[in-house]
N, C-alpha and C. Protein backbone atom coordinates (compact mmCIF):
# COMPACT_ATOMS: atom_id res chain seq x y z
N MET A 1 -22.56 41.09 12.11
CA MET A 1 -21.37 41.14 11.29
C MET A 1 -20.42 39.98 11.62
N PHE A 2 -20.24 39.72 12.93
CA PHE A 2 -19.37 38.63 13.36
C PHE A 2 -19.88 37.29 12.83
N VAL A 3 -21.19 37.10 12.86
CA VAL A 3 -21.80 35.85 12.40
C VAL A 3 -21.51 35.66 10.90
N LYS A 4 -21.63 36.74 10.12
CA LYS A 4 -21.38 36.66 8.68
C LYS A 4 -19.94 36.21 8.40
N TYR A 5 -18.95 36.78 9.12
CA TYR A 5 -17.56 36.39 8.92
C TYR A 5 -17.30 34.97 9.42
N SER A 6 -17.96 34.57 10.48
CA SER A 6 -17.80 33.21 11.00
C SER A 6 -18.29 32.17 10.00
N ILE A 7 -19.43 32.46 9.38
CA ILE A 7 -19.97 31.54 8.37
C ILE A 7 -19.03 31.48 7.18
N PHE A 8 -18.52 32.63 6.75
CA PHE A 8 -17.59 32.67 5.64
C PHE A 8 -16.33 31.86 5.96
N ALA A 9 -15.78 32.04 7.15
CA ALA A 9 -14.58 31.32 7.55
C ALA A 9 -14.84 29.81 7.58
N PHE A 10 -16.01 29.41 8.10
CA PHE A 10 -16.36 28.00 8.15
C PHE A 10 -16.44 27.40 6.74
N LEU A 11 -17.10 28.09 5.82
CA LEU A 11 -17.21 27.60 4.45
C LEU A 11 -15.85 27.54 3.77
N LEU A 12 -15.02 28.53 4.01
CA LEU A 12 -13.68 28.54 3.43
C LEU A 12 -12.87 27.33 3.90
N LEU A 13 -12.96 27.01 5.18
CA LEU A 13 -12.25 25.84 5.70
C LEU A 13 -12.78 24.54 5.10
N GLN A 14 -14.09 24.46 4.93
CA GLN A 14 -14.68 23.25 4.38
C GLN A 14 -14.19 22.98 2.96
N PHE A 15 -14.09 24.03 2.16
CA PHE A 15 -13.68 23.85 0.77
C PHE A 15 -12.17 23.78 0.60
N SER A 16 -11.42 24.28 1.57
CA SER A 16 -9.97 24.26 1.44
C SER A 16 -9.35 22.95 1.91
N GLU A 17 -10.07 22.16 2.73
CA GLU A 17 -9.54 20.88 3.17
C GLU A 17 -9.47 19.92 1.99
N LYS A 18 -8.39 19.18 1.95
CA LYS A 18 -8.21 18.22 0.87
C LYS A 18 -9.20 17.07 1.03
N GLN A 19 -10.02 16.87 0.04
CA GLN A 19 -10.99 15.79 0.07
C GLN A 19 -10.34 14.54 -0.54
N VAL A 20 -10.41 13.44 0.17
CA VAL A 20 -9.83 12.19 -0.29
C VAL A 20 -10.93 11.36 -0.93
N GLU A 21 -10.69 10.95 -2.16
CA GLU A 21 -11.66 10.11 -2.86
C GLU A 21 -11.67 8.72 -2.25
N PRO A 22 -12.80 8.03 -2.35
CA PRO A 22 -12.85 6.66 -1.82
C PRO A 22 -11.73 5.82 -2.44
N GLY A 23 -11.06 5.08 -1.59
CA GLY A 23 -9.97 4.23 -2.05
C GLY A 23 -8.60 4.86 -1.86
N GLN A 24 -8.52 6.18 -1.86
CA GLN A 24 -7.21 6.82 -1.78
C GLN A 24 -6.67 6.92 -0.35
N GLN A 25 -7.45 6.49 0.63
CA GLN A 25 -6.98 6.53 2.01
C GLN A 25 -5.75 5.65 2.21
N ILE A 26 -5.58 4.68 1.38
CA ILE A 26 -4.47 3.72 1.50
C ILE A 26 -3.13 4.32 1.05
N ILE A 27 -3.17 5.37 0.26
CA ILE A 27 -1.96 5.97 -0.30
C ILE A 27 -1.08 6.50 0.83
N GLY A 28 0.21 6.14 0.77
CA GLY A 28 1.15 6.62 1.78
C GLY A 28 2.28 5.63 1.99
N GLN A 29 3.04 5.88 3.06
CA GLN A 29 4.18 5.03 3.39
C GLN A 29 3.87 4.22 4.65
N TYR A 30 4.40 2.99 4.67
CA TYR A 30 4.13 2.06 5.76
C TYR A 30 5.41 1.34 6.18
N TRP A 31 5.52 1.10 7.48
CA TRP A 31 6.58 0.26 8.03
C TRP A 31 6.14 -1.19 7.96
N THR A 32 7.08 -2.08 7.71
CA THR A 32 6.79 -3.50 7.84
C THR A 32 6.59 -3.77 9.34
N GLY A 33 6.04 -4.93 9.66
CA GLY A 33 5.73 -5.25 11.05
C GLY A 33 6.92 -5.15 11.98
N ASP A 34 8.09 -5.51 11.52
CA ASP A 34 9.30 -5.48 12.35
C ASP A 34 10.11 -4.19 12.18
N LYS A 35 9.58 -3.25 11.41
CA LYS A 35 10.24 -1.97 11.10
C LYS A 35 11.60 -2.16 10.43
N GLN A 36 11.77 -3.28 9.75
CA GLN A 36 13.00 -3.55 9.02
C GLN A 36 12.90 -3.09 7.56
N GLY A 37 11.73 -2.58 7.19
CA GLY A 37 11.52 -2.10 5.83
C GLY A 37 10.40 -1.08 5.77
N LYS A 38 10.39 -0.32 4.69
CA LYS A 38 9.36 0.69 4.47
C LYS A 38 8.88 0.56 3.02
N ILE A 39 7.56 0.61 2.85
CA ILE A 39 6.99 0.55 1.51
C ILE A 39 6.13 1.78 1.26
N GLU A 40 5.83 1.99 -0.01
CA GLU A 40 4.94 3.09 -0.40
C GLU A 40 3.82 2.53 -1.26
N ILE A 41 2.60 2.91 -0.92
CA ILE A 41 1.42 2.56 -1.72
C ILE A 41 1.06 3.80 -2.53
N TYR A 42 0.85 3.62 -3.81
CA TYR A 42 0.50 4.74 -4.68
C TYR A 42 -0.55 4.29 -5.70
N GLN A 43 -1.15 5.28 -6.34
CA GLN A 43 -2.18 5.00 -7.34
C GLN A 43 -1.68 5.40 -8.71
N GLU A 44 -2.00 4.56 -9.69
CA GLU A 44 -1.65 4.84 -11.07
C GLU A 44 -2.77 4.30 -11.96
N ASN A 45 -3.36 5.16 -12.76
CA ASN A 45 -4.44 4.77 -13.68
C ASN A 45 -5.58 4.04 -12.97
N GLY A 46 -5.95 4.53 -11.79
CA GLY A 46 -7.09 3.96 -11.06
C GLY A 46 -6.80 2.67 -10.32
N ARG A 47 -5.56 2.21 -10.35
CA ARG A 47 -5.19 0.97 -9.65
C ARG A 47 -4.10 1.31 -8.63
N TYR A 48 -3.92 0.40 -7.68
CA TYR A 48 -2.99 0.66 -6.58
C TYR A 48 -1.80 -0.30 -6.65
N PHE A 49 -0.64 0.26 -6.32
CA PHE A 49 0.63 -0.45 -6.39
C PHE A 49 1.42 -0.19 -5.12
N GLY A 50 2.39 -1.06 -4.85
CA GLY A 50 3.27 -0.86 -3.71
C GLY A 50 4.70 -1.16 -4.10
N LYS A 51 5.61 -0.30 -3.63
CA LYS A 51 7.03 -0.52 -3.92
C LYS A 51 7.84 -0.43 -2.64
N ILE A 52 8.98 -1.08 -2.67
CA ILE A 52 9.88 -1.09 -1.52
C ILE A 52 10.73 0.18 -1.56
N LEU A 53 10.63 0.97 -0.48
CA LEU A 53 11.41 2.22 -0.39
C LEU A 53 12.73 2.02 0.32
N TRP A 54 12.71 1.20 1.37
CA TRP A 54 13.88 1.05 2.21
C TRP A 54 13.81 -0.30 2.90
N ARG A 55 14.95 -0.87 3.14
CA ARG A 55 15.02 -2.12 3.89
C ARG A 55 16.36 -2.14 4.62
N LYS A 56 16.32 -2.50 5.88
CA LYS A 56 17.54 -2.48 6.71
C LYS A 56 18.65 -3.29 6.06
N GLN A 57 18.31 -4.44 5.56
CA GLN A 57 19.29 -5.28 4.88
C GLN A 57 18.88 -5.43 3.42
N ALA A 58 19.20 -4.41 2.65
CA ALA A 58 18.86 -4.44 1.22
C ALA A 58 19.62 -5.58 0.55
N ARG A 59 18.99 -6.13 -0.44
CA ARG A 59 19.62 -7.24 -1.15
C ARG A 59 19.14 -7.28 -2.59
N LYS A 60 19.61 -8.23 -3.30
CA LYS A 60 19.21 -8.43 -4.70
C LYS A 60 17.99 -9.35 -4.75
N ASP A 61 17.34 -9.36 -5.88
CA ASP A 61 16.15 -10.19 -6.11
C ASP A 61 16.59 -11.59 -6.54
N VAL A 62 17.34 -12.26 -5.68
CA VAL A 62 18.02 -13.51 -6.03
C VAL A 62 17.10 -14.69 -6.35
N HIS A 63 15.86 -14.64 -5.89
CA HIS A 63 14.93 -15.75 -6.13
C HIS A 63 14.04 -15.54 -7.35
N ASN A 64 14.26 -14.46 -8.07
CA ASN A 64 13.41 -14.17 -9.23
C ASN A 64 13.51 -15.32 -10.24
N PRO A 65 12.37 -15.79 -10.78
CA PRO A 65 12.41 -16.87 -11.76
C PRO A 65 13.10 -16.47 -13.07
N ASN A 66 13.19 -15.18 -13.32
CA ASN A 66 13.88 -14.68 -14.51
C ASN A 66 15.35 -14.42 -14.16
N PRO A 67 16.26 -15.22 -14.65
CA PRO A 67 17.69 -15.06 -14.29
C PRO A 67 18.25 -13.67 -14.55
N THR A 68 17.74 -12.96 -15.54
CA THR A 68 18.26 -11.63 -15.85
C THR A 68 17.86 -10.59 -14.80
N LEU A 69 16.89 -10.92 -13.94
CA LEU A 69 16.45 -9.98 -12.90
C LEU A 69 17.03 -10.28 -11.52
N ARG A 70 17.80 -11.31 -11.39
CA ARG A 70 18.31 -11.73 -10.08
C ARG A 70 19.37 -10.80 -9.50
N GLU A 71 19.94 -9.95 -10.33
CA GLU A 71 20.96 -9.02 -9.85
C GLU A 71 20.39 -7.64 -9.51
N ARG A 72 19.10 -7.44 -9.74
CA ARG A 72 18.52 -6.13 -9.44
C ARG A 72 18.27 -5.98 -7.94
N SER A 73 18.38 -4.76 -7.47
CA SER A 73 18.12 -4.46 -6.06
C SER A 73 16.62 -4.53 -5.81
N ILE A 74 16.26 -4.91 -4.60
CA ILE A 74 14.84 -4.91 -4.27
C ILE A 74 14.36 -3.51 -3.92
N ILE A 75 15.26 -2.59 -3.64
CA ILE A 75 14.89 -1.20 -3.35
C ILE A 75 14.34 -0.58 -4.63
N GLY A 76 13.14 -0.04 -4.54
CA GLY A 76 12.47 0.53 -5.70
C GLY A 76 11.61 -0.46 -6.44
N MET A 77 11.67 -1.73 -6.06
CA MET A 77 10.90 -2.77 -6.74
C MET A 77 9.41 -2.64 -6.43
N VAL A 78 8.60 -2.75 -7.47
CA VAL A 78 7.15 -2.78 -7.31
C VAL A 78 6.76 -4.23 -7.06
N PHE A 79 6.28 -4.50 -5.85
CA PHE A 79 5.94 -5.87 -5.49
C PHE A 79 4.45 -6.08 -5.26
N LEU A 80 3.68 -5.00 -5.22
CA LEU A 80 2.22 -5.06 -5.17
C LEU A 80 1.71 -4.42 -6.45
N LYS A 81 0.87 -5.15 -7.20
CA LYS A 81 0.47 -4.65 -8.52
C LYS A 81 -1.02 -4.79 -8.77
N GLU A 82 -1.56 -3.76 -9.44
CA GLU A 82 -2.89 -3.80 -10.05
C GLU A 82 -4.06 -4.03 -9.10
N PHE A 83 -4.00 -3.51 -7.88
CA PHE A 83 -5.11 -3.65 -6.95
C PHE A 83 -6.24 -2.70 -7.32
N VAL A 84 -7.46 -3.19 -7.23
CA VAL A 84 -8.66 -2.42 -7.55
C VAL A 84 -9.44 -2.21 -6.26
N PHE A 85 -9.89 -0.98 -6.01
CA PHE A 85 -10.68 -0.68 -4.82
C PHE A 85 -12.14 -1.06 -5.05
N LYS A 86 -12.67 -1.90 -4.15
CA LYS A 86 -14.07 -2.33 -4.27
C LYS A 86 -14.56 -2.75 -2.88
N ASN A 87 -15.69 -2.17 -2.47
CA ASN A 87 -16.32 -2.52 -1.19
C ASN A 87 -15.38 -2.40 0.00
N GLY A 88 -14.57 -1.35 0.02
CA GLY A 88 -13.69 -1.10 1.16
C GLY A 88 -12.41 -1.90 1.17
N LYS A 89 -12.20 -2.73 0.14
CA LYS A 89 -10.98 -3.53 0.06
C LYS A 89 -10.31 -3.31 -1.29
N TYR A 90 -9.07 -3.65 -1.33
CA TYR A 90 -8.28 -3.54 -2.55
C TYR A 90 -8.03 -4.97 -2.99
N GLU A 91 -8.63 -5.35 -4.12
CA GLU A 91 -8.67 -6.75 -4.52
C GLU A 91 -8.10 -6.95 -5.91
N LYS A 92 -8.02 -8.22 -6.30
CA LYS A 92 -7.61 -8.65 -7.63
C LYS A 92 -6.22 -8.18 -8.01
N GLY A 93 -5.36 -8.02 -7.00
CA GLY A 93 -3.99 -7.63 -7.26
C GLY A 93 -3.04 -8.81 -7.19
N LYS A 94 -1.79 -8.53 -7.41
CA LYS A 94 -0.73 -9.53 -7.34
C LYS A 94 0.31 -9.10 -6.30
N VAL A 95 0.79 -10.07 -5.54
CA VAL A 95 1.83 -9.84 -4.54
C VAL A 95 3.04 -10.67 -4.94
N TYR A 96 4.18 -10.01 -5.12
CA TYR A 96 5.42 -10.71 -5.44
C TYR A 96 6.21 -10.89 -4.15
N SER A 97 6.64 -12.11 -3.88
CA SER A 97 7.41 -12.40 -2.68
C SER A 97 8.90 -12.39 -3.02
N ILE A 98 9.64 -11.50 -2.35
CA ILE A 98 11.09 -11.47 -2.56
C ILE A 98 11.77 -12.65 -1.88
N ASP A 99 11.04 -13.34 -1.00
CA ASP A 99 11.62 -14.47 -0.28
C ASP A 99 11.70 -15.74 -1.12
N ASN A 100 10.80 -15.85 -2.12
CA ASN A 100 10.84 -17.08 -2.94
C ASN A 100 10.68 -16.83 -4.44
N GLY A 101 10.48 -15.57 -4.84
CA GLY A 101 10.37 -15.24 -6.26
C GLY A 101 9.04 -15.61 -6.90
N LYS A 102 8.04 -15.91 -6.08
CA LYS A 102 6.73 -16.28 -6.61
C LYS A 102 5.75 -15.13 -6.48
N SER A 103 4.76 -15.13 -7.37
CA SER A 103 3.68 -14.14 -7.31
C SER A 103 2.40 -14.84 -6.85
N TYR A 104 1.64 -14.11 -6.06
CA TYR A 104 0.41 -14.64 -5.49
C TYR A 104 -0.75 -13.68 -5.75
N SER A 105 -1.96 -14.20 -5.71
CA SER A 105 -3.13 -13.33 -5.70
C SER A 105 -3.08 -12.56 -4.39
N GLY A 106 -3.68 -11.37 -4.40
CA GLY A 106 -3.60 -10.58 -3.18
C GLY A 106 -4.77 -9.67 -2.95
N LYS A 107 -4.90 -9.26 -1.70
CA LYS A 107 -5.86 -8.23 -1.33
C LYS A 107 -5.27 -7.42 -0.18
N LEU A 108 -5.70 -6.19 -0.09
CA LEU A 108 -5.25 -5.26 0.93
C LEU A 108 -6.47 -4.64 1.59
N TRP A 109 -6.33 -4.24 2.84
CA TRP A 109 -7.39 -3.47 3.48
C TRP A 109 -6.82 -2.68 4.63
N LEU A 110 -7.45 -1.52 4.88
CA LEU A 110 -7.08 -0.68 6.01
C LEU A 110 -7.98 -1.03 7.18
N GLU A 111 -7.40 -1.14 8.35
CA GLU A 111 -8.18 -1.34 9.56
C GLU A 111 -8.90 -0.03 9.88
N ASP A 112 -9.83 -0.07 10.81
CA ASP A 112 -10.63 1.10 11.16
C ASP A 112 -9.81 2.27 11.67
N ASP A 113 -8.63 2.01 12.23
CA ASP A 113 -7.81 3.11 12.74
C ASP A 113 -7.18 3.94 11.63
N GLY A 114 -7.23 3.44 10.37
CA GLY A 114 -6.67 4.16 9.24
C GLY A 114 -5.15 4.14 9.19
N LYS A 115 -4.52 3.47 10.17
CA LYS A 115 -3.06 3.44 10.26
C LYS A 115 -2.49 2.04 10.05
N THR A 116 -3.35 1.04 10.13
CA THR A 116 -2.91 -0.34 10.01
C THR A 116 -3.36 -0.90 8.67
N LEU A 117 -2.39 -1.34 7.88
CA LEU A 117 -2.66 -1.93 6.58
C LEU A 117 -2.42 -3.43 6.66
N LYS A 118 -3.39 -4.19 6.19
CA LYS A 118 -3.25 -5.64 6.12
C LYS A 118 -3.03 -6.02 4.67
N MET A 119 -2.08 -6.90 4.45
CA MET A 119 -1.72 -7.35 3.11
C MET A 119 -1.78 -8.87 3.11
N ARG A 120 -2.62 -9.44 2.24
CA ARG A 120 -2.76 -10.89 2.20
C ARG A 120 -2.40 -11.41 0.83
N GLY A 121 -1.50 -12.37 0.79
CA GLY A 121 -1.16 -13.08 -0.43
C GLY A 121 -1.65 -14.50 -0.30
N TYR A 122 -2.19 -15.03 -1.40
CA TYR A 122 -2.78 -16.37 -1.32
C TYR A 122 -2.74 -17.07 -2.67
N VAL A 123 -2.96 -18.38 -2.61
CA VAL A 123 -3.02 -19.22 -3.80
C VAL A 123 -4.45 -19.72 -3.94
N GLY A 124 -5.09 -19.41 -5.04
CA GLY A 124 -6.45 -19.90 -5.28
C GLY A 124 -7.50 -19.17 -4.46
N VAL A 125 -7.71 -19.59 -3.23
CA VAL A 125 -8.71 -18.96 -2.38
C VAL A 125 -8.01 -18.26 -1.22
N SER A 126 -8.65 -17.22 -0.72
CA SER A 126 -8.03 -16.34 0.26
C SER A 126 -7.58 -17.06 1.54
N TRP A 127 -8.28 -18.08 1.95
CA TRP A 127 -7.90 -18.73 3.21
C TRP A 127 -6.65 -19.60 3.08
N LEU A 128 -6.16 -19.77 1.85
CA LEU A 128 -4.88 -20.46 1.64
C LEU A 128 -3.78 -19.42 1.42
N GLY A 129 -3.45 -18.72 2.49
CA GLY A 129 -2.46 -17.67 2.32
C GLY A 129 -1.91 -17.17 3.64
N ARG A 130 -1.28 -16.01 3.56
CA ARG A 130 -0.64 -15.40 4.72
C ARG A 130 -0.91 -13.91 4.72
N THR A 131 -1.10 -13.35 5.90
CA THR A 131 -1.38 -11.92 6.05
C THR A 131 -0.23 -11.24 6.78
N ALA A 132 0.18 -10.11 6.25
CA ALA A 132 1.20 -9.28 6.91
C ALA A 132 0.54 -7.99 7.37
N THR A 133 1.03 -7.45 8.48
CA THR A 133 0.50 -6.21 9.04
C THR A 133 1.56 -5.12 8.91
N LEU A 134 1.14 -3.98 8.39
CA LEU A 134 2.04 -2.83 8.23
C LEU A 134 1.43 -1.64 8.95
N LYS A 135 2.27 -0.72 9.40
CA LYS A 135 1.81 0.47 10.12
C LYS A 135 2.21 1.72 9.34
N ARG A 136 1.25 2.64 9.21
CA ARG A 136 1.50 3.89 8.48
C ARG A 136 2.64 4.66 9.13
N VAL A 137 3.52 5.23 8.31
CA VAL A 137 4.60 6.07 8.80
C VAL A 137 3.99 7.39 9.24
N GLU A 138 4.23 7.75 10.47
CA GLU A 138 3.73 9.02 11.02
C GLU A 138 4.75 10.10 10.76
N ILE A 139 4.30 11.18 10.18
CA ILE A 139 5.21 12.29 9.86
C ILE A 139 5.08 13.38 10.89
């Protein structure tokens, strides 16, 4: 009798755990490397995006090439756009830099620890770029 209930309990736990689809491991909140900002990665229509949630020194998007957008706050701004999950990486996206108002090709990937997110923006080919490291917010 005990064995029957143990098997039932085991199966119940297996089906009740939230199963994460491939690619969705990246979803969540991350600290910037210096912990001066926090971003959120989310999925929309099968693609991945990132927005700025918080920044110690919030400011306006003063470098935006569109003059009508230079007065908007960077808080809430979507700066990572249209990433597609393929072969363990998030590719073919765009990274907007609030530091210079330019957009770059981008890719993202999670390190094996599942807590470290690498974000690379580049021009043309990947080796012509810069990588930032972010750490998952622990709740």
